[in-house]
């Protein structure tokens, strides 16, 4: 295994993360240290900074020495040799208000599986949390979970962001939004960030991650009520029948047909049921596509 650079976090609201708020988003505190990664290569623990592989002589503010001096990292990687751990090594950077006992530790914020020369598969937090705790590894816990959130919802979540911050010293650098079902229009699994320092603190690691129920949007209600698994399977079966089988190149046809048939067949019922609602058809389309992927995961594999 060789060095792989961590993904670039995109600012919430940009095209790279358009639609990331649709579905279940985990909101994580953003830690302000130096980016690091560790992996196992032929039985040897390797480490990287944001842009390069490290050596003992050039170890990124003592990060590589810290990793080598703590056997728990090697123990984890020996049990999970295809995993790569990304995190933040907390050394003084922009933010100086972290607790005295928080410095010079590696806080893991993503666990991935190497898939090929360049690609990785992100393991959801709900899975990797227990894997890390087995070896007593430090990690960044989510502040909350928000379903179909808005910018205002995410801003409010920042009120809980005092991860590792001294009492009364304000809030952290910002938050990172992760939707493990989201892939952007370039078919990349990308996270979003919101950077701010204007909110109160509240620590959630010991307390767990509360679920914040944002107001359910009408587009989600429409998908839940009308874009059923049976509806999707019906359109899929039509395509298979018409083409005497299924090929992956038919995926765009399936996505377009389910959406168009939903609108054509059910729009009158939708208008009656929801009393002439204001529908954002871009959001509706994104939610329909997500529902299709959830219903037919095998064809997107």
Protein backbone atom coordinates (compact mmCIF):
# COMPACT_ATOMS: atom_id res chain seq x y z
CA UNK A 1 0.00 0.00 0.00
CA UNK A 2 1.26 3.44 -0.92
CA UNK A 3 0.46 6.98 0.25
CA UNK A 4 -2.98 8.30 -0.72
CA UNK A 5 -3.93 11.91 -0.19
CA UNK A 6 -7.10 12.62 1.77
CA UNK A 7 -10.02 14.11 -0.16
CA UNK A 8 -10.53 17.86 -0.35
CA UNK A 9 -13.44 19.03 1.83
CA UNK A 10 -15.83 21.13 -0.24
CA UNK A 11 -17.64 24.17 1.14
CA UNK A 12 -21.31 23.47 1.72
CA UNK A 13 -23.41 25.04 -1.03
CA UNK A 14 -20.94 24.45 -3.87
CA UNK A 15 -21.65 22.22 -6.89
CA UNK A 16 -19.25 19.51 -5.67
CA UNK A 17 -21.57 18.73 -2.74
CA UNK A 18 -24.91 19.76 -4.23
CA UNK A 19 -27.54 17.55 -2.59
CA UNK A 20 -25.42 16.18 0.25
CA UNK A 21 -28.05 17.35 2.75
CA UNK A 22 -30.69 15.04 1.25
CA UNK A 23 -30.88 11.94 3.38
CA UNK A 24 -28.98 11.26 6.60
CA UNK A 25 -26.05 13.57 7.34
CA UNK A 26 -23.68 13.06 10.25
CA UNK A 27 -22.27 16.36 11.50
CA UNK A 28 -18.72 16.09 12.84
CA UNK A 29 -16.59 18.72 14.57
CA UNK A 30 -13.68 19.95 12.44
CA UNK A 31 -10.36 19.63 14.27
CA UNK A 32 -7.66 22.22 13.62
CA UNK A 33 -4.31 20.42 13.68
CA UNK A 34 -2.19 18.79 10.99
CA UNK A 35 -3.67 16.19 8.64
CA UNK A 36 -2.26 12.68 8.90
CA UNK A 37 -2.82 9.14 7.68
CA UNK A 38 -1.46 5.71 8.61
CA UNK A 39 -1.49 2.34 6.84
CA UNK A 40 0.34 -0.99 6.79
CA UNK A 41 2.79 -1.83 4.01
CA UNK A 42 4.36 -5.31 4.08
CA UNK A 43 4.01 -5.41 7.86
CA UNK A 44 5.49 -1.94 8.39
CA UNK A 45 3.40 0.97 9.70
CA UNK A 46 3.65 3.90 7.30
CA UNK A 47 2.37 7.44 7.80
CA UNK A 48 1.63 10.46 5.67
CA UNK A 49 0.96 14.16 6.00
CA UNK A 50 -1.59 15.92 3.82
CA UNK A 51 0.61 15.76 0.72
CA UNK A 52 3.39 13.18 1.16
CA UNK A 53 4.62 10.01 2.83
CA UNK A 54 6.60 10.66 6.00
CA UNK A 55 9.96 9.37 7.16
CA UNK A 56 11.59 9.26 10.59
CA UNK A 57 13.64 12.34 9.67
CA UNK A 58 10.68 14.22 8.18
CA UNK A 59 7.84 13.15 10.44
CA UNK A 60 5.43 16.13 10.33
CA UNK A 61 5.79 17.78 13.75
CA UNK A 62 6.49 14.46 15.46
CA UNK A 63 3.45 12.67 14.04
CA UNK A 64 5.24 9.62 12.63
CA UNK A 65 7.29 9.21 15.83
CA UNK A 66 4.06 9.34 17.84
CA UNK A 67 2.49 6.61 15.68
CA UNK A 68 5.55 4.35 15.88
CA UNK A 69 5.77 4.74 19.65
CA UNK A 70 2.17 3.59 20.18
CA UNK A 71 1.79 -0.11 19.43
CA UNK A 72 -2.02 0.08 19.38
CA UNK A 73 -1.91 1.57 15.88
CA UNK A 74 0.09 -1.34 14.51
CA UNK A 75 -2.16 -3.80 16.36
CA UNK A 76 -5.21 -2.29 14.70
CA UNK A 77 -3.67 -2.36 11.23
CA UNK A 78 -2.46 -5.92 11.63
CA UNK A 79 -6.04 -6.97 12.35
CA UNK A 80 -7.38 -4.79 9.49
CA UNK A 81 -4.52 -4.73 6.95
CA UNK A 82 -6.64 -3.24 4.13
CA UNK A 83 -7.67 -0.24 6.24
CA UNK A 84 -6.22 3.24 6.07
CA UNK A 85 -6.80 5.67 8.96
CA UNK A 86 -7.16 9.39 8.32
CA UNK A 87 -7.20 11.94 11.11
CA UNK A 88 -5.82 15.08 12.66
CA UNK A 89 -2.66 15.18 14.78
CA UNK A 90 -3.39 17.98 17.22
CA UNK A 91 -0.46 20.37 17.28
CA UNK A 92 -0.79 24.19 17.47
CA UNK A 93 -2.20 25.62 14.26
CA UNK A 94 -4.76 28.42 13.96
CA UNK A 95 -6.93 27.51 16.94
CA UNK A 96 -5.13 27.67 20.31
CA UNK A 97 -8.07 27.01 22.65
CA UNK A 98 -7.91 23.22 22.89
CA UNK A 99 -7.64 21.61 26.34
CA UNK A 100 -4.13 21.01 27.65
CA UNK A 101 -4.68 17.24 27.68
CA UNK A 102 -5.85 17.19 24.04
CA UNK A 103 -2.57 18.11 22.34
CA UNK A 104 -0.23 15.76 20.50
CA UNK A 105 -2.77 13.01 19.95
CA UNK A 106 -4.09 11.54 16.70
CA UNK A 107 -7.86 11.94 16.33
CA UNK A 108 -9.20 9.65 13.59
CA UNK A 109 -12.02 11.06 11.47
CA UNK A 110 -12.25 8.55 8.60
CA UNK A 111 -11.50 4.88 8.08
CA UNK A 112 -11.26 3.60 4.50
CA UNK A 113 -10.59 0.38 2.66
CA UNK A 114 -8.14 0.49 -0.22
CA UNK A 115 -9.97 -0.57 -3.39
CA UNK A 116 -7.52 0.04 -6.22
CA UNK A 117 -4.52 2.17 -7.15
CA UNK A 118 -6.32 5.46 -6.48
CA UNK A 119 -9.73 4.65 -4.99
CA UNK A 120 -10.90 3.98 -1.46
CA UNK A 121 -14.18 2.92 0.14
CA UNK A 122 -15.32 4.94 3.16
CA UNK A 123 -16.49 2.86 6.12
CA UNK A 124 -19.51 4.44 7.88
CA UNK A 125 -18.98 5.78 11.39
CA UNK A 126 -21.57 3.36 12.77
CA UNK A 127 -19.23 0.52 11.78
CA UNK A 128 -15.75 1.91 12.43
CA UNK A 129 -16.52 3.36 15.87
CA UNK A 130 -16.48 -0.09 17.50
CA UNK A 131 -13.42 -1.14 15.50
CA UNK A 132 -11.43 1.82 16.84
CA UNK A 133 -12.67 1.47 20.40
CA UNK A 134 -11.47 -2.13 20.50
CA UNK A 135 -7.91 -0.77 20.34
CA UNK A 136 -8.58 2.36 22.43
CA UNK A 137 -7.88 4.67 19.48
CA UNK A 138 -8.94 8.31 19.69
CA UNK A 139 -11.55 9.42 17.17
CA UNK A 140 -13.78 12.39 16.31
CA UNK A 141 -17.41 11.64 17.28
CA UNK A 142 -20.39 13.18 15.47
CA UNK A 143 -22.20 16.08 17.11
CA UNK A 144 -25.55 14.98 15.71
CA UNK A 145 -27.38 13.35 12.80
CA UNK A 146 -29.69 15.44 10.59
CA UNK A 147 -32.09 14.05 7.99
CA UNK A 148 -32.92 16.26 4.98
CA UNK A 149 -31.34 19.25 6.66
CA UNK A 150 -30.92 22.85 5.62
CA UNK A 151 -28.10 25.34 6.05
CA UNK A 152 -29.88 26.70 9.13
CA UNK A 153 -30.07 23.20 10.65
CA UNK A 154 -26.34 22.72 10.19
CA UNK A 155 -25.54 26.15 11.61
CA UNK A 156 -27.57 25.29 14.71
CA UNK A 157 -25.60 22.09 15.13
CA UNK A 158 -22.50 24.21 15.59
CA UNK A 159 -23.87 25.22 18.98
CA UNK A 160 -22.78 21.74 20.10
CA UNK A 161 -19.25 22.05 18.75
CA UNK A 162 -16.84 22.30 21.67
CA UNK A 163 -14.98 19.07 20.94
CA UNK A 164 -11.70 19.19 22.94
CA UNK A 165 -12.13 22.95 23.60
CA UNK A 166 -11.35 24.47 27.00
CA UNK A 167 -14.33 25.39 29.16
CA UNK A 168 -15.56 28.85 28.29
CA UNK A 169 -13.14 29.23 25.37
CA UNK A 170 -15.76 29.32 22.62
CA UNK A 171 -16.23 26.85 19.82
CA UNK A 172 -14.27 24.77 17.37
CA UNK A 173 -13.19 25.62 13.86
CA UNK A 174 -16.33 24.34 12.14
CA UNK A 175 -18.13 21.17 11.12
CA UNK A 176 -17.83 18.47 8.46
CA UNK A 177 -20.96 16.96 6.89
CA UNK A 178 -20.86 13.30 5.83
CA UNK A 179 -23.65 11.52 3.98
CA UNK A 180 -22.46 7.97 3.30
CA UNK A 181 -25.11 7.51 0.58
CA UNK A 182 -24.09 10.66 -1.30
CA UNK A 183 -22.06 10.74 -4.51
CA UNK A 184 -21.77 14.00 -6.41
CA UNK A 185 -22.45 14.48 -10.11
CA UNK A 186 -18.87 13.45 -10.85
CA UNK A 187 -19.55 10.11 -9.06
CA UNK A 188 -17.22 11.02 -6.19
CA UNK A 189 -18.05 10.44 -2.52
CA UNK A 190 -17.35 13.90 -1.17
CA UNK A 191 -17.78 15.57 2.24
CA UNK A 192 -18.83 19.16 2.89
CA UNK A 193 -17.58 21.65 5.45
CA UNK A 194 -18.92 24.74 7.17
CA UNK A 195 -16.28 26.87 8.90
CA UNK A 196 -17.30 29.18 11.74
CA UNK A 197 -16.37 30.13 15.31
CA UNK A 198 -19.42 31.99 16.58
CA UNK A 199 -21.22 29.33 18.59
CA UNK A 200 -21.40 27.89 22.14
CA UNK A 201 -19.85 24.62 23.22
CA UNK A 202 -21.30 21.28 24.26
CA UNK A 203 -19.38 18.00 24.35
CA UNK A 204 -21.08 14.89 22.90
CA UNK A 205 -18.59 12.05 22.87
CA UNK A 206 -19.67 10.62 26.23
CA UNK A 207 -23.32 11.47 25.69
CA UNK A 208 -23.61 9.97 22.21
CA UNK A 209 -24.93 11.47 19.01
CA UNK A 210 -28.45 12.96 19.18
CA UNK A 211 -30.68 12.75 16.12
CA UNK A 212 -32.10 16.09 15.02
CA UNK A 213 -35.35 15.76 13.12
CA UNK A 214 -35.50 18.57 10.58
CA UNK A 215 -38.93 19.46 9.27
CA UNK A 216 -39.81 16.84 6.67
CA UNK A 217 -39.80 18.30 3.20
CA UNK A 218 -42.68 17.67 0.83
CA UNK A 219 -40.35 16.17 -1.78
CA UNK A 220 -39.35 13.44 0.68
CA UNK A 221 -43.01 12.77 1.49
CA UNK A 222 -43.79 12.40 -2.21
CA UNK A 223 -40.97 9.89 -2.68
CA UNK A 224 -42.00 7.93 0.42
CA UNK A 225 -45.66 7.78 -0.66
CA UNK A 226 -45.41 7.36 -4.43
CA UNK A 227 -41.92 6.22 -5.47
CA UNK A 228 -42.29 2.83 -3.83
CA UNK A 229 -40.09 -0.20 -4.36
CA UNK A 230 -42.92 -1.78 -6.36
CA UNK A 231 -43.12 1.31 -8.60
CA UNK A 232 -39.36 1.17 -9.24
CA UNK A 233 -39.39 -2.57 -9.87
CA UNK A 234 -42.23 -2.15 -12.39
CA UNK A 235 -40.24 0.34 -14.47
CA UNK A 236 -37.12 -1.80 -14.19
CA UNK A 237 -39.03 -4.85 -15.43
CA UNK A 238 -40.35 -2.88 -18.42
CA UNK A 239 -36.82 -1.94 -19.46
CA UNK A 240 -35.57 -5.51 -19.05
CA UNK A 241 -38.49 -6.82 -21.09
CA UNK A 242 -38.13 -4.22 -23.85
CA UNK A 243 -34.39 -4.83 -24.18
CA UNK A 244 -34.37 -8.59 -23.58
CA UNK A 245 -32.13 -8.24 -20.55
CA UNK A 246 -30.30 -5.71 -18.42
CA UNK A 247 -27.02 -3.89 -19.04
CA UNK A 248 -25.34 -1.24 -16.88
CA UNK A 249 -25.59 1.29 -19.71
CA UNK A 250 -29.37 1.28 -19.09
CA UNK A 251 -28.98 2.92 -15.67
CA UNK A 252 -29.64 6.47 -17.03
CA UNK A 253 -32.75 5.12 -18.76
CA UNK A 254 -34.03 3.67 -15.47
CA UNK A 255 -33.32 6.87 -13.54
CA UNK A 256 -35.07 9.01 -16.13
CA UNK A 257 -38.04 6.70 -16.63
CA UNK A 258 -38.87 6.29 -12.94
CA UNK A 259 -38.76 10.05 -12.41
CA UNK A 260 -40.78 10.90 -15.54
CA UNK A 261 -43.40 8.23 -14.88
CA UNK A 262 -43.74 9.36 -11.29
CA UNK A 263 -44.47 12.92 -12.39
CA UNK A 264 -46.76 11.93 -15.27
CA UNK A 265 -48.75 9.29 -13.40
CA UNK A 266 -49.01 10.82 -9.94
CA UNK A 267 -48.82 14.61 -10.21
CA UNK A 268 -52.60 15.05 -9.92
CA UNK A 269 -52.74 12.83 -6.84
CA UNK A 270 -49.78 14.67 -5.36
CA UNK A 271 -51.43 18.05 -5.88
CA UNK A 272 -54.60 16.82 -4.20
CA UNK A 273 -52.93 15.04 -1.31
CA UNK A 274 -50.58 17.87 -0.39
CA UNK A 275 -52.94 20.72 -1.32
CA UNK A 276 -51.03 22.27 -4.24
CA UNK A 277 -47.59 22.21 -2.61
CA UNK A 278 -44.58 24.18 -3.74
CA UNK A 279 -42.33 21.46 -5.17
CA UNK A 280 -38.61 21.83 -5.84
CA UNK A 281 -38.32 19.40 -8.76
CA UNK A 282 -34.51 19.39 -8.58
CA UNK A 283 -34.74 18.11 -5.00
CA UNK A 284 -37.49 15.67 -5.97
CA UNK A 285 -35.33 14.26 -8.76
CA UNK A 286 -32.34 13.85 -6.42
CA UNK A 287 -34.47 12.01 -3.87
CA UNK A 288 -35.96 9.74 -6.55
CA UNK A 289 -32.45 8.82 -7.74
CA UNK A 290 -31.41 8.08 -4.16
CA UNK A 291 -34.48 5.86 -3.65
CA UNK A 292 -33.68 3.91 -6.84
CA UNK A 293 -30.11 3.32 -5.65
CA UNK A 294 -31.37 2.11 -2.29
CA UNK A 295 -33.90 -0.20 -3.95
CA UNK A 296 -31.57 -1.64 -6.62
CA UNK A 297 -28.05 -1.47 -5.09
CA UNK A 298 -26.80 -4.46 -7.10
CA UNK A 299 -27.04 -2.70 -10.46
CA UNK A 300 -24.96 0.22 -9.16
CA UNK A 301 -22.24 -2.00 -7.72
